[in-house]
Amino acid sequence: MIGSLSAYGRHRKAARKPGGSLAAVQKAIRTGRIQQEPSGGIDFEKADAAWDQNTDARRRRTPREDSPEPPKENLPEEPTQELDGGSFFEAQRQREWERVKRERIQRKVLEGKLLDAEKVRDTVSEMISSARAKLLVIGDELADKLAATSDPVRCRELVDGRISQALDDLAEYPANAE
């Protein structure tokens, strides 16, 4: 039977042989212990024979007799075909990763470190509108004073003071977006 690298790892694990993981199978290929078929898969019978032949007998582990065989009913059923280029286990891993990311976001929201984007946009929009309104009235408020003042330094002080006041009001805007 020819199968994928991960399927071969599961085959070895089910047969209670060493090398029952994808990492072990990949290492066996890298070190030349077993060979891949030209298609990229593994011929299980050839690979088992090569694994036994190319493994140093002194380094072999003896299986533990006291370890029970894993119950078959708890193992997920192996998919008959790969899903969107990935296996069932890859889909499970991806789903768990998405769950972890959702939980991180929820925790940050609860801690107050993450805000709703729409609320932030509304708050910033209010800040900009407030600043615009305060800056636009400066001309009307200072027009008479500026017209009565012929000193350019005094005119500048009046305008700068009013702009600074508007910017100070903006800086004191409430920081919470709720």
C-alpha atoms as a PDB file:
ATOM      1  CA  MET A   1       0.000   0.000   0.000  1.00  0.00           C
ATOM      2  CA  ILE A   2       1.288   3.478  -0.848  1.00  0.00           C
ATOM      3  CA  GLY A   3       0.232   6.416   1.308  1.00  0.00           C
ATOM      4  CA  SER A   4       1.260   9.823   2.580  1.00  0.00           C
ATOM      5  CA  LEU A   5       4.029  10.393   5.123  1.00  0.00           C
ATOM      6  CA  SER A   6       1.542  11.044   7.931  1.00  0.00           C
ATOM      7  CA  ALA A   7      -0.490   7.945   6.967  1.00  0.00           C
ATOM      8  CA  TYR A   8       2.692   5.878   7.146  1.00  0.00           C
ATOM      9  CA  GLY A   9       3.401   7.302  10.606  1.00  0.00           C
ATOM     10  CA  ARG A  10      -0.107   6.303  11.711  1.00  0.00           C
ATOM     11  CA  HIS A  11       0.474   2.834  10.187  1.00  0.00           C
ATOM     12  CA  ARG A  12       3.637   2.401  12.283  1.00  0.00           C
ATOM     13  CA  LYS A  13       1.885   3.664  15.401  1.00  0.00           C
ATOM     14  CA  ALA A  14      -1.059   1.282  14.893  1.00  0.00           C
ATOM     15  CA  ALA A  15       1.413  -1.582  14.420  1.00  0.00           C
ATOM     16  CA  ARG A  16       3.063  -0.464  17.695  1.00  0.00           C
ATOM     17  CA  LYS A  17       6.387   0.062  15.939  1.00  0.00           C
ATOM     18  CA  PRO A  18       8.821   2.909  16.611  1.00  0.00           C
ATOM     19  CA  GLY A  19       8.532   5.906  14.320  1.00  0.00           C
ATOM     20  CA  GLY A  20       4.803   6.402  14.659  1.00  0.00           C
ATOM     21  CA  SER A  21       4.803  10.130  13.963  1.00  0.00           C
ATOM     22  CA  LEU A  22       5.190  12.383  10.955  1.00  0.00           C
ATOM     23  CA  ALA A  23       8.405  13.859  12.408  1.00  0.00           C
ATOM     24  CA  ALA A  24       9.940  10.393  12.816  1.00  0.00           C
ATOM     25  CA  VAL A  25       9.017   9.452   9.235  1.00  0.00           C
ATOM     26  CA  GLN A  26      10.501  12.701   7.901  1.00  0.00           C
ATOM     27  CA  LYS A  27      13.701  12.086   9.871  1.00  0.00           C
ATOM     28  CA  ALA A  28      13.917   8.507   8.551  1.00  0.00           C
ATOM     29  CA  ILE A  29      13.682   9.860   4.989  1.00  0.00           C
ATOM     30  CA  ARG A  30      16.297  12.567   5.684  1.00  0.00           C
ATOM     31  CA  THR A  31      18.747  10.092   7.163  1.00  0.00           C
ATOM     32  CA  GLY A  32      18.195   7.561   4.363  1.00  0.00           C
ATOM     33  CA  ARG A  33      16.601   4.912   6.567  1.00  0.00           C
ATOM     34  CA  ILE A  34      13.586   4.717   4.199  1.00  0.00           C
ATOM     35  CA  GLN A  35      12.901   5.981   0.671  1.00  0.00           C
ATOM     36  CA  GLN A  36       9.960   7.858  -0.805  1.00  0.00           C
ATOM     37  CA  GLU A  37       8.325   6.701  -4.012  1.00  0.00           C
ATOM     38  CA  PRO A  38       8.681   8.976  -7.082  1.00  0.00           C
ATOM     39  CA  SER A  39       5.089  10.101  -6.442  1.00  0.00           C
ATOM     40  CA  GLY A  40       6.166  11.418  -3.033  1.00  0.00           C
ATOM     41  CA  GLY A  41       4.286   8.745  -1.077  1.00  0.00           C
ATOM     42  CA  ILE A  42       5.591   5.819   0.952  1.00  0.00           C
ATOM     43  CA  ASP A  43       5.214   2.114   0.058  1.00  0.00           C
ATOM     44  CA  PHE A  44       4.385   0.777   3.518  1.00  0.00           C
ATOM     45  CA  GLU A  45       5.768  -2.757   3.001  1.00  0.00           C
ATOM     46  CA  LYS A  46       9.057  -1.579   1.437  1.00  0.00           C
ATOM     47  CA  ALA A  47       9.485   1.134   4.045  1.00  0.00           C
ATOM     48  CA  ASP A  48       8.851  -1.271   6.953  1.00  0.00           C
ATOM     49  CA  ALA A  49      11.461  -3.686   5.589  1.00  0.00           C
ATOM     50  CA  ALA A  50      13.965  -0.856   4.957  1.00  0.00           C
ATOM     51  CA  TRP A  51      13.317   0.608   8.420  1.00  0.00           C
ATOM     52  CA  ASP A  52      14.081  -2.734  10.090  1.00  0.00           C
ATOM     53  CA  GLN A  53      17.137  -3.352   7.903  1.00  0.00           C
ATOM     54  CA  ASN A  54      18.612   0.146   8.299  1.00  0.00           C
ATOM     55  CA  THR A  55      18.082   0.527  12.035  1.00  0.00           C
ATOM     56  CA  ASP A  56      20.984  -0.284  14.322  1.00  0.00           C
ATOM     57  CA  ALA A  57      19.843  -3.168  16.544  1.00  0.00           C
ATOM     58  CA  ARG A  58      21.680  -1.691  19.535  1.00  0.00           C
ATOM     59  CA  ARG A  59      19.635   1.511  19.296  1.00  0.00           C
ATOM     60  CA  ARG A  60      16.230  -0.159  18.939  1.00  0.00           C
ATOM     61  CA  ARG A  61      13.742   0.338  21.708  1.00  0.00           C
ATOM     62  CA  THR A  62      11.821  -2.604  22.985  1.00  0.00           C
ATOM     63  CA  PRO A  63       8.089  -1.989  23.187  1.00  0.00           C
ATOM     64  CA  ARG A  64       6.736  -1.831  26.696  1.00  0.00           C
ATOM     65  CA  GLU A  65       4.549  -4.795  27.498  1.00  0.00           C
ATOM     66  CA  ASP A  66       2.638  -2.968  30.197  1.00  0.00           C
ATOM     67  CA  SER A  67       1.426  -0.181  27.901  1.00  0.00           C
ATOM     68  CA  PRO A  68      -2.141  -0.869  26.791  1.00  0.00           C
ATOM     69  CA  GLU A  69      -3.125  -0.583  23.156  1.00  0.00           C
ATOM     70  CA  PRO A  70      -5.033   2.640  22.542  1.00  0.00           C
ATOM     71  CA  PRO A  71      -8.785   2.068  22.350  1.00  0.00           C
ATOM     72  CA  LYS A  72      -9.958   2.126  18.733  1.00  0.00           C
ATOM     73  CA  GLU A  73     -13.289   3.826  19.479  1.00  0.00           C
ATOM     74  CA  ASN A  74     -11.560   7.034  20.670  1.00  0.00           C
ATOM     75  CA  LEU A  75      -9.494   7.488  17.514  1.00  0.00           C
ATOM     76  CA  PRO A  76     -10.976   9.720  14.816  1.00  0.00           C
ATOM     77  CA  GLU A  77     -11.942   7.983  11.631  1.00  0.00           C
ATOM     78  CA  GLU A  78      -9.305   8.462   8.953  1.00  0.00           C
ATOM     79  CA  PRO A  79     -10.684  10.516   6.066  1.00  0.00           C
ATOM     80  CA  THR A  80     -10.870   8.706   2.761  1.00  0.00           C
ATOM     81  CA  GLN A  81      -9.631  11.750   0.892  1.00  0.00           C
ATOM     82  CA  GLU A  82      -7.736  14.872   1.803  1.00  0.00           C
ATOM     83  CA  LEU A  83      -9.772  17.995   2.414  1.00  0.00           C
ATOM     84  CA  ASP A  84      -8.697  21.110   0.491  1.00  0.00           C
ATOM     85  CA  GLY A  85      -5.115  19.923   0.259  1.00  0.00           C
ATOM     86  CA  GLY A  86      -4.877  19.080   3.967  1.00  0.00           C
ATOM     87  CA  SER A  87      -5.758  16.151   6.159  1.00  0.00           C
ATOM     88  CA  PHE A  88      -8.463  15.831   8.766  1.00  0.00           C
ATOM     89  CA  PHE A  89      -5.831  16.403  11.439  1.00  0.00           C
ATOM     90  CA  GLU A  90      -4.646  19.579   9.706  1.00  0.00           C
ATOM     91  CA  ALA A  91      -8.239  20.828   9.650  1.00  0.00           C
ATOM     92  CA  GLN A  92      -8.530  20.077  13.394  1.00  0.00           C
ATOM     93  CA  ARG A  93      -5.273  21.891  14.083  1.00  0.00           C
ATOM     94  CA  GLN A  94      -6.432  24.897  12.068  1.00  0.00           C
ATOM     95  CA  ARG A  95      -9.802  24.968  13.863  1.00  0.00           C
ATOM     96  CA  GLU A  96      -8.067  24.868  17.262  1.00  0.00           C
ATOM     97  CA  TRP A  97      -5.712  27.690  16.243  1.00  0.00           C
ATOM     98  CA  GLU A  98      -8.698  29.830  15.214  1.00  0.00           C
ATOM     99  CA  ARG A  99     -10.331  29.093  18.594  1.00  0.00           C
ATOM    100  CA  VAL A 100      -7.152  30.193  20.415  1.00  0.00           C
ATOM    101  CA  LYS A 101      -7.034  33.434  18.406  1.00  0.00           C
ATOM    102  CA  ARG A 102     -10.718  34.160  19.225  1.00  0.00           C
ATOM    103  CA  GLU A 103     -10.091  33.543  22.928  1.00  0.00           C
ATOM    104  CA  ARG A 104      -7.070  35.884  22.907  1.00  0.00           C
ATOM    105  CA  ILE A 105      -9.175  38.631  21.336  1.00  0.00           C
ATOM    106  CA  GLN A 106     -11.983  38.091  23.858  1.00  0.00           C
ATOM    107  CA  ARG A 107      -9.487  38.249  26.741  1.00  0.00           C
ATOM    108  CA  LYS A 108      -8.016  41.513  25.442  1.00  0.00           C
ATOM    109  CA  VAL A 109     -11.511  42.989  25.122  1.00  0.00           C
ATOM    110  CA  LEU A 110     -12.314  41.987  28.714  1.00  0.00           C
ATOM    111  CA  GLU A 111      -9.017  43.467  29.936  1.00  0.00           C
ATOM    112  CA  GLY A 112      -9.796  46.717  28.126  1.00  0.00           C
ATOM    113  CA  LYS A 113      -6.758  46.413  25.859  1.00  0.00           C
ATOM    114  CA  LEU A 114      -8.827  45.987  22.695  1.00  0.00           C
ATOM    115  CA  LEU A 115     -11.707  48.198  21.594  1.00  0.00           C
ATOM    116  CA  ASP A 116     -14.453  47.794  19.033  1.00  0.00           C
ATOM    117  CA  ALA A 117     -13.243  49.372  15.780  1.00  0.00           C
ATOM    118  CA  GLU A 118     -16.617  51.014  15.107  1.00  0.00           C
ATOM    119  CA  LYS A 119     -16.632  52.695  18.534  1.00  0.00           C
ATOM    120  CA  VAL A 120     -13.087  53.949  17.965  1.00  0.00           C
ATOM    121  CA  ARG A 121     -14.059  55.342  14.537  1.00  0.00           C
ATOM    122  CA  ASP A 122     -17.080  57.108  16.074  1.00  0.00           C
ATOM    123  CA  THR A 123     -14.965  58.618  18.857  1.00  0.00           C
ATOM    124  CA  VAL A 124     -12.268  59.825  16.454  1.00  0.00           C
ATOM    125  CA  SER A 125     -14.955  61.265  14.183  1.00  0.00           C
ATOM    126  CA  GLU A 126     -16.419  63.160  17.150  1.00  0.00           C
ATOM    127  CA  MET A 127     -12.953  64.460  18.084  1.00  0.00           C
ATOM    128  CA  ILE A 128     -12.314  65.697  14.552  1.00  0.00           C
ATOM    129  CA  SER A 129     -15.737  67.378  14.349  1.00  0.00           C
ATOM    130  CA  SER A 130     -15.184  69.066  17.710  1.00  0.00           C
ATOM    131  CA  ALA A 131     -11.709  70.296  16.717  1.00  0.00           C
ATOM    132  CA  ARG A 132     -12.995  71.530  13.366  1.00  0.00           C
ATOM    133  CA  ALA A 133     -15.849  73.451  15.000  1.00  0.00           C
ATOM    134  CA  LYS A 134     -13.498  75.073  17.545  1.00  0.00           C
ATOM    135  CA  LEU A 135     -10.954  76.059  14.912  1.00  0.00           C
ATOM    136  CA  LEU A 136     -13.539  77.453  12.473  1.00  0.00           C
ATOM    137  CA  VAL A 137     -14.946  79.942  15.013  1.00  0.00           C
ATOM    138  CA  ILE A 138     -11.539  81.477  15.742  1.00  0.00           C
ATOM    139  CA  GLY A 139     -11.848  83.877  12.808  1.00  0.00           C
ATOM    140  CA  ASP A 140     -15.289  85.090  13.907  1.00  0.00           C
ATOM    141  CA  GLU A 141     -14.238  85.432  17.554  1.00  0.00           C
ATOM    142  CA  LEU A 142     -11.020  87.318  16.833  1.00  0.00           C
ATOM    143  CA  ALA A 143     -12.040  89.367  13.775  1.00  0.00           C
ATOM    144  CA  ASP A 144     -12.928  92.538  15.688  1.00  0.00           C
ATOM    145  CA  LYS A 145      -9.898  92.328  18.012  1.00  0.00           C
ATOM    146  CA  LEU A 146      -7.529  91.728  15.098  1.00  0.00           C
ATOM    147  CA  ALA A 147      -9.019  94.587  13.102  1.00  0.00           C
ATOM    148  CA  ALA A 148      -8.548  96.928  16.064  1.00  0.00           C
ATOM    149  CA  THR A 149      -4.939  95.840  16.626  1.00  0.00           C
ATOM    150  CA  SER A 150      -2.268  97.199  14.340  1.00  0.00           C
ATOM    151  CA  ASP A 151       0.604  95.402  16.084  1.00  0.00           C
ATOM    152  CA  PRO A 152       1.460  92.164  14.141  1.00  0.00           C
ATOM    153  CA  VAL A 153       3.024  90.580  17.243  1.00  0.00           C
ATOM    154  CA  ARG A 154      -0.169  91.147  19.248  1.00  0.00           C
ATOM    155  CA  CYS A 155      -2.271  89.705  16.353  1.00  0.00           C
ATOM    156  CA  ARG A 156      -0.107  86.608  16.307  1.00  0.00           C
ATOM    157  CA  GLU A 157      -0.401  86.204  20.096  1.00  0.00           C
ATOM    158  CA  LEU A 158      -4.203  86.405  19.894  1.00  0.00           C
ATOM    159  CA  VAL A 159      -4.415  83.781  17.096  1.00  0.00           C
ATOM    160  CA  ASP A 160      -1.820  81.481  18.693  1.00  0.00           C
ATOM    161  CA  GLY A 161      -3.552  81.710  22.096  1.00  0.00           C
ATOM    162  CA  ARG A 162      -6.953  80.801  20.623  1.00  0.00           C
ATOM    163  CA  ILE A 163      -5.507  77.886  18.580  1.00  0.00           C
ATOM    164  CA  SER A 164      -3.650  76.598  21.662  1.00  0.00           C
ATOM    165  CA  GLN A 165      -6.908  76.741  23.641  1.00  0.00           C
ATOM    166  CA  ALA A 166      -8.709  74.699  20.938  1.00  0.00           C
ATOM    167  CA  LEU A 167      -5.871  72.141  20.873  1.00  0.00           C
ATOM    168  CA  ASP A 168      -5.860  71.889  24.679  1.00  0.00           C
ATOM    169  CA  ASP A 169      -9.603  71.179  24.599  1.00  0.00           C
ATOM    170  CA  LEU A 170      -8.948  68.461  22.023  1.00  0.00           C
ATOM    171  CA  ALA A 171      -6.151  66.929  24.150  1.00  0.00           C
ATOM    172  CA  GLU A 172      -8.545  66.697  27.116  1.00  0.00           C
ATOM    173  CA  TYR A 173     -11.063  64.725  25.069  1.00  0.00           C
ATOM    174  CA  PRO A 174     -12.198  61.587  26.949  1.00  0.00           C
ATOM    175  CA  ALA A 175      -9.888  58.697  26.145  1.00  0.00           C
ATOM    176  CA  ASN A 176     -12.469  55.934  26.439  1.00  0.00           C
ATOM    177  CA  ALA A 177     -14.391  54.998  23.326  1.00  0.00           C
ATOM    178  CA  GLU A 178     -17.336  53.446  25.141  1.00  0.00           C
END
